[in-house]
Amino acid sequence: MFKELGQMMGMMKNLPKLQAAMESMKAKLAQISVEGNAGGGMVVVTVNGHMELTKCTISEDAMKLNDRDILADLVIAAVNMAMSKAREEAARASQSLAQEVGLPLPPGGLPGM
């Protein structure tokens, strides 16, 4: 019981450092920008580190297909590719920051990243 209390007190002492690290992490996530594409570039999307879709470009060739289902599939594939890349970048950034601050990471990294 006292061991856990000591660990909690240690975390409380590091609270300003942890808060600064969280602000730094938010800034790093905002700087992440990755692209995903599908259909040989017919659809290109950009996602940021907050997992927000920030841009979607649909080529004239994709529009000429005149097929909503295919276009929808291309958009989904491009978004999924970009989201996957963004998760990988965010995980790398969070692991790097955790090491800088001295936080232990669970095996396999952070859940959901």
N, C-alpha and C. Protein backbone atom coordinates (compact mmCIF):
# COMPACT_ATOMS: atom_id res chain seq x y z
N MET A 1 0.82 -1.19 0.00
CA MET A 1 0.00 0.00 0.00
C MET A 1 0.87 1.26 0.00
N PHE A 2 1.89 1.28 0.86
CA PHE A 2 2.74 2.46 0.94
C PHE A 2 3.61 2.63 -0.30
N LYS A 3 3.90 1.50 -0.94
CA LYS A 3 4.69 1.56 -2.18
C LYS A 3 3.91 2.31 -3.25
N GLU A 4 2.61 1.97 -3.39
CA GLU A 4 1.76 2.64 -4.38
C GLU A 4 1.59 4.12 -4.04
N LEU A 5 1.50 4.42 -2.75
CA LEU A 5 1.37 5.81 -2.32
C LEU A 5 2.62 6.60 -2.69
N GLY A 6 3.77 5.99 -2.51
CA GLY A 6 5.04 6.62 -2.87
C GLY A 6 5.12 6.87 -4.37
N GLN A 7 4.65 5.92 -5.15
CA GLN A 7 4.66 6.08 -6.60
C GLN A 7 3.73 7.24 -7.01
N MET A 8 2.58 7.31 -6.35
CA MET A 8 1.65 8.40 -6.66
C MET A 8 2.25 9.75 -6.30
N MET A 9 2.93 9.82 -5.18
CA MET A 9 3.55 11.08 -4.77
C MET A 9 4.66 11.47 -5.75
N GLY A 10 5.39 10.48 -6.24
CA GLY A 10 6.42 10.75 -7.24
C GLY A 10 5.80 11.30 -8.51
N MET A 11 4.67 10.77 -8.92
CA MET A 11 3.98 11.27 -10.11
C MET A 11 3.49 12.70 -9.87
N MET A 12 3.01 12.97 -8.66
CA MET A 12 2.51 14.31 -8.35
C MET A 12 3.65 15.34 -8.41
N LYS A 13 4.85 14.93 -7.99
CA LYS A 13 6.00 15.84 -8.05
C LYS A 13 6.34 16.15 -9.50
N ASN A 14 6.12 15.21 -10.37
CA ASN A 14 6.43 15.37 -11.79
C ASN A 14 5.28 15.96 -12.59
N LEU A 15 4.22 16.36 -11.92
CA LEU A 15 3.03 16.84 -12.62
C LEU A 15 3.33 18.00 -13.57
N PRO A 16 4.07 19.03 -13.17
CA PRO A 16 4.36 20.11 -14.14
C PRO A 16 5.12 19.59 -15.37
N LYS A 17 6.04 18.66 -15.14
CA LYS A 17 6.79 18.08 -16.26
C LYS A 17 5.86 17.28 -17.17
N LEU A 18 4.94 16.55 -16.58
CA LEU A 18 3.99 15.76 -17.37
C LEU A 18 3.05 16.66 -18.15
N GLN A 19 2.60 17.75 -17.52
CA GLN A 19 1.71 18.69 -18.21
C GLN A 19 2.43 19.34 -19.40
N ALA A 20 3.68 19.69 -19.19
CA ALA A 20 4.46 20.28 -20.29
C ALA A 20 4.64 19.26 -21.41
N ALA A 21 4.84 18.00 -21.04
CA ALA A 21 5.00 16.94 -22.03
C ALA A 21 3.71 16.74 -22.83
N MET A 22 2.57 16.84 -22.17
CA MET A 22 1.29 16.69 -22.87
C MET A 22 1.07 17.84 -23.85
N GLU A 23 1.44 19.05 -23.47
CA GLU A 23 1.32 20.19 -24.38
C GLU A 23 2.25 20.00 -25.57
N SER A 24 3.45 19.50 -25.30
CA SER A 24 4.40 19.22 -26.37
C SER A 24 3.85 18.17 -27.32
N MET A 25 3.19 17.17 -26.76
CA MET A 25 2.61 16.10 -27.57
C MET A 25 1.51 16.65 -28.47
N LYS A 26 0.68 17.52 -27.93
CA LYS A 26 -0.38 18.13 -28.74
C LYS A 26 0.22 18.89 -29.92
N ALA A 27 1.30 19.61 -29.66
CA ALA A 27 1.96 20.37 -30.72
C ALA A 27 2.55 19.43 -31.77
N LYS A 28 3.16 18.33 -31.32
CA LYS A 28 3.73 17.37 -32.26
C LYS A 28 2.65 16.73 -33.12
N LEU A 29 1.52 16.40 -32.50
CA LEU A 29 0.41 15.79 -33.26
C LEU A 29 -0.13 16.76 -34.30
N ALA A 30 -0.16 18.04 -33.96
CA ALA A 30 -0.67 19.04 -34.90
C ALA A 30 0.26 19.17 -36.11
N GLN A 31 1.54 18.86 -35.93
CA GLN A 31 2.51 18.99 -37.03
C GLN A 31 2.50 17.77 -37.96
N ILE A 32 1.96 16.67 -37.49
CA ILE A 32 1.93 15.46 -38.32
C ILE A 32 0.93 15.65 -39.46
N SER A 33 1.36 15.34 -40.66
CA SER A 33 0.49 15.41 -41.83
C SER A 33 0.91 14.29 -42.78
N VAL A 34 0.00 13.37 -43.04
CA VAL A 34 0.31 12.24 -43.91
C VAL A 34 -0.74 12.11 -45.00
N GLU A 35 -0.33 11.52 -46.11
CA GLU A 35 -1.24 11.32 -47.24
C GLU A 35 -1.55 9.85 -47.43
N GLY A 36 -2.73 9.62 -47.94
CA GLY A 36 -3.13 8.30 -48.40
C GLY A 36 -3.73 8.47 -49.77
N ASN A 37 -3.56 7.47 -50.61
CA ASN A 37 -4.15 7.59 -51.95
C ASN A 37 -4.69 6.24 -52.40
N ALA A 38 -5.55 6.31 -53.40
CA ALA A 38 -6.14 5.09 -53.94
C ALA A 38 -6.42 5.30 -55.42
N GLY A 39 -6.49 4.20 -56.13
CA GLY A 39 -6.79 4.25 -57.55
C GLY A 39 -5.68 4.91 -58.35
N GLY A 40 -4.44 4.66 -57.94
CA GLY A 40 -3.32 5.25 -58.65
C GLY A 40 -3.31 6.77 -58.57
N GLY A 41 -3.76 7.30 -57.44
CA GLY A 41 -3.76 8.75 -57.25
C GLY A 41 -5.06 9.42 -57.65
N MET A 42 -6.07 8.62 -57.99
CA MET A 42 -7.36 9.24 -58.33
C MET A 42 -7.97 9.96 -57.13
N VAL A 43 -7.73 9.40 -55.95
CA VAL A 43 -8.18 10.04 -54.71
C VAL A 43 -6.96 10.16 -53.80
N VAL A 44 -6.71 11.38 -53.33
CA VAL A 44 -5.61 11.64 -52.41
C VAL A 44 -6.18 12.40 -51.22
N VAL A 45 -5.89 11.90 -50.02
CA VAL A 45 -6.38 12.56 -48.81
C VAL A 45 -5.21 12.86 -47.88
N THR A 46 -5.41 13.83 -47.01
CA THR A 46 -4.41 14.19 -46.00
C THR A 46 -5.07 14.12 -44.64
N VAL A 47 -4.35 13.52 -43.68
CA VAL A 47 -4.83 13.37 -42.31
C VAL A 47 -3.75 13.93 -41.39
N ASN A 48 -4.17 14.60 -40.31
CA ASN A 48 -3.19 15.10 -39.36
C ASN A 48 -3.05 14.15 -38.17
N GLY A 49 -2.18 14.50 -37.24
CA GLY A 49 -1.91 13.65 -36.09
C GLY A 49 -3.04 13.54 -35.10
N HIS A 50 -4.05 14.40 -35.25
CA HIS A 50 -5.25 14.31 -34.41
C HIS A 50 -6.31 13.42 -35.05
N MET A 51 -5.91 12.73 -36.12
CA MET A 51 -6.78 11.83 -36.88
C MET A 51 -7.94 12.58 -37.52
N GLU A 52 -7.66 13.81 -37.96
CA GLU A 52 -8.66 14.60 -38.66
C GLU A 52 -8.32 14.62 -40.15
N LEU A 53 -9.31 14.39 -40.96
CA LEU A 53 -9.15 14.48 -42.41
C LEU A 53 -9.08 15.97 -42.74
N THR A 54 -7.96 16.40 -43.33
CA THR A 54 -7.77 17.83 -43.59
C THR A 54 -7.87 18.19 -45.06
N LYS A 55 -7.77 17.19 -45.94
CA LYS A 55 -7.84 17.48 -47.37
C LYS A 55 -8.27 16.22 -48.13
N CYS A 56 -9.05 16.42 -49.16
CA CYS A 56 -9.47 15.32 -50.03
C CYS A 56 -9.49 15.84 -51.46
N THR A 57 -8.68 15.22 -52.32
CA THR A 57 -8.62 15.62 -53.72
C THR A 57 -9.08 14.45 -54.58
N ILE A 58 -10.04 14.72 -55.43
CA ILE A 58 -10.57 13.70 -56.35
C ILE A 58 -10.22 14.15 -57.76
N SER A 59 -9.49 13.32 -58.47
CA SER A 59 -9.02 13.69 -59.81
C SER A 59 -10.17 13.71 -60.82
N GLU A 60 -9.90 14.35 -61.93
CA GLU A 60 -10.88 14.38 -63.03
C GLU A 60 -11.13 12.96 -63.54
N ASP A 61 -10.08 12.14 -63.58
CA ASP A 61 -10.24 10.75 -64.04
C ASP A 61 -11.23 10.00 -63.16
N ALA A 62 -11.16 10.24 -61.84
CA ALA A 62 -12.09 9.57 -60.93
C ALA A 62 -13.51 10.05 -61.17
N MET A 63 -13.66 11.33 -61.46
CA MET A 63 -15.00 11.87 -61.72
C MET A 63 -15.58 11.32 -63.02
N LYS A 64 -14.70 11.07 -64.00
CA LYS A 64 -15.15 10.55 -65.29
C LYS A 64 -15.67 9.12 -65.20
N LEU A 65 -15.29 8.42 -64.12
CA LEU A 65 -15.79 7.05 -63.95
C LEU A 65 -17.30 7.04 -63.83
N ASN A 66 -17.85 8.13 -63.28
CA ASN A 66 -19.29 8.27 -63.15
C ASN A 66 -19.92 7.09 -62.40
N ASP A 67 -19.19 6.63 -61.37
CA ASP A 67 -19.67 5.50 -60.57
C ASP A 67 -19.47 5.83 -59.09
N ARG A 68 -20.56 6.13 -58.41
CA ARG A 68 -20.49 6.53 -57.00
C ARG A 68 -19.89 5.45 -56.11
N ASP A 69 -20.23 4.21 -56.36
CA ASP A 69 -19.74 3.12 -55.51
C ASP A 69 -18.23 2.98 -55.61
N ILE A 70 -17.70 3.05 -56.82
CA ILE A 70 -16.24 2.96 -56.98
C ILE A 70 -15.58 4.16 -56.34
N LEU A 71 -16.12 5.34 -56.54
CA LEU A 71 -15.55 6.55 -55.94
C LEU A 71 -15.58 6.45 -54.41
N ALA A 72 -16.68 5.98 -53.87
CA ALA A 72 -16.77 5.80 -52.41
C ALA A 72 -15.70 4.83 -51.92
N ASP A 73 -15.51 3.72 -52.64
CA ASP A 73 -14.49 2.75 -52.26
C ASP A 73 -13.09 3.36 -52.31
N LEU A 74 -12.83 4.20 -53.31
CA LEU A 74 -11.53 4.85 -53.42
C LEU A 74 -11.30 5.82 -52.26
N VAL A 75 -12.32 6.57 -51.91
CA VAL A 75 -12.20 7.50 -50.79
C VAL A 75 -11.95 6.73 -49.50
N ILE A 76 -12.69 5.67 -49.28
CA ILE A 76 -12.51 4.86 -48.07
C ILE A 76 -11.10 4.29 -48.00
N ALA A 77 -10.61 3.75 -49.11
CA ALA A 77 -9.27 3.16 -49.14
C ALA A 77 -8.21 4.23 -48.86
N ALA A 78 -8.34 5.39 -49.46
CA ALA A 78 -7.36 6.46 -49.25
C ALA A 78 -7.37 6.95 -47.80
N VAL A 79 -8.57 7.12 -47.24
CA VAL A 79 -8.68 7.57 -45.85
C VAL A 79 -8.10 6.53 -44.90
N ASN A 80 -8.41 5.26 -45.13
CA ASN A 80 -7.86 4.21 -44.26
C ASN A 80 -6.34 4.17 -44.32
N MET A 81 -5.78 4.35 -45.52
CA MET A 81 -4.32 4.36 -45.66
C MET A 81 -3.72 5.53 -44.88
N ALA A 82 -4.31 6.70 -45.03
CA ALA A 82 -3.79 7.88 -44.35
C ALA A 82 -3.94 7.75 -42.83
N MET A 83 -5.06 7.23 -42.37
CA MET A 83 -5.27 7.05 -40.93
C MET A 83 -4.24 6.08 -40.34
N SER A 84 -3.95 5.03 -41.06
CA SER A 84 -2.96 4.06 -40.61
C SER A 84 -1.59 4.73 -40.48
N LYS A 85 -1.21 5.50 -41.49
CA LYS A 85 0.07 6.21 -41.44
C LYS A 85 0.09 7.22 -40.29
N ALA A 86 -1.01 7.93 -40.08
CA ALA A 86 -1.08 8.92 -39.01
C ALA A 86 -0.96 8.26 -37.64
N ARG A 87 -1.60 7.09 -37.46
CA ARG A 87 -1.48 6.36 -36.20
C ARG A 87 -0.04 5.96 -35.94
N GLU A 88 0.64 5.49 -36.98
CA GLU A 88 2.04 5.09 -36.84
C GLU A 88 2.90 6.28 -36.45
N GLU A 89 2.70 7.42 -37.10
CA GLU A 89 3.47 8.62 -36.79
C GLU A 89 3.18 9.10 -35.37
N ALA A 90 1.91 9.09 -34.97
CA ALA A 90 1.53 9.52 -33.63
C ALA A 90 2.12 8.60 -32.58
N ALA A 91 2.14 7.30 -32.85
CA ALA A 91 2.73 6.34 -31.91
C ALA A 91 4.22 6.61 -31.75
N ARG A 92 4.91 6.86 -32.87
CA ARG A 92 6.35 7.16 -32.79
C ARG A 92 6.58 8.43 -31.97
N ALA A 93 5.78 9.44 -32.22
CA ALA A 93 5.93 10.71 -31.49
C ALA A 93 5.67 10.51 -30.00
N SER A 94 4.64 9.75 -29.66
CA SER A 94 4.32 9.55 -28.24
C SER A 94 5.37 8.69 -27.55
N GLN A 95 5.91 7.70 -28.24
CA GLN A 95 6.96 6.88 -27.65
C GLN A 95 8.20 7.72 -27.39
N SER A 96 8.55 8.55 -28.35
CA SER A 96 9.72 9.42 -28.20
C SER A 96 9.54 10.37 -27.02
N LEU A 97 8.37 10.97 -26.93
CA LEU A 97 8.10 11.90 -25.84
C LEU A 97 8.10 11.18 -24.49
N ALA A 98 7.50 10.00 -24.44
CA ALA A 98 7.46 9.24 -23.18
C ALA A 98 8.88 8.91 -22.72
N GLN A 99 9.75 8.57 -23.64
CA GLN A 99 11.14 8.27 -23.28
C GLN A 99 11.84 9.53 -22.77
N GLU A 100 11.59 10.66 -23.41
CA GLU A 100 12.20 11.92 -22.98
C GLU A 100 11.79 12.28 -21.55
N VAL A 101 10.52 12.03 -21.22
CA VAL A 101 9.99 12.37 -19.92
C VAL A 101 10.30 11.29 -18.89
N GLY A 102 10.64 10.11 -19.36
CA GLY A 102 10.95 9.01 -18.45
C GLY A 102 9.75 8.20 -18.03
N LEU A 103 8.70 8.24 -18.83
CA LEU A 103 7.51 7.43 -18.53
C LEU A 103 7.71 6.03 -19.09
N PRO A 104 7.38 5.02 -18.32
CA PRO A 104 7.47 3.67 -18.85
C PRO A 104 6.34 3.41 -19.84
N LEU A 105 6.65 2.72 -20.91
CA LEU A 105 5.64 2.36 -21.91
C LEU A 105 5.28 0.89 -21.76
N PRO A 106 4.00 0.56 -21.93
CA PRO A 106 3.63 -0.85 -21.90
C PRO A 106 4.23 -1.58 -23.09
N PRO A 107 4.45 -2.89 -22.96
CA PRO A 107 4.98 -3.65 -24.11
C PRO A 107 4.05 -3.49 -25.31
N GLY A 108 4.62 -3.24 -26.46
CA GLY A 108 3.81 -3.05 -27.66
C GLY A 108 3.39 -1.62 -27.87
N GLY A 109 3.82 -0.70 -27.02
CA GLY A 109 3.49 0.72 -27.20
C GLY A 109 2.20 1.11 -26.51
N LEU A 110 1.70 2.24 -26.90
CA LEU A 110 0.48 2.77 -26.31
C LEU A 110 -0.73 2.15 -26.97
N PRO A 111 -1.74 1.76 -26.17
CA PRO A 111 -2.94 1.16 -26.76
C PRO A 111 -3.65 2.15 -27.68
N GLY A 112 -4.17 1.64 -28.78
CA GLY A 112 -4.92 2.46 -29.71
C GLY A 112 -4.05 3.27 -30.65
N MET A 113 -2.75 3.11 -30.57
CA MET A 113 -1.86 3.88 -31.44
C MET A 113 -1.20 2.96 -32.43
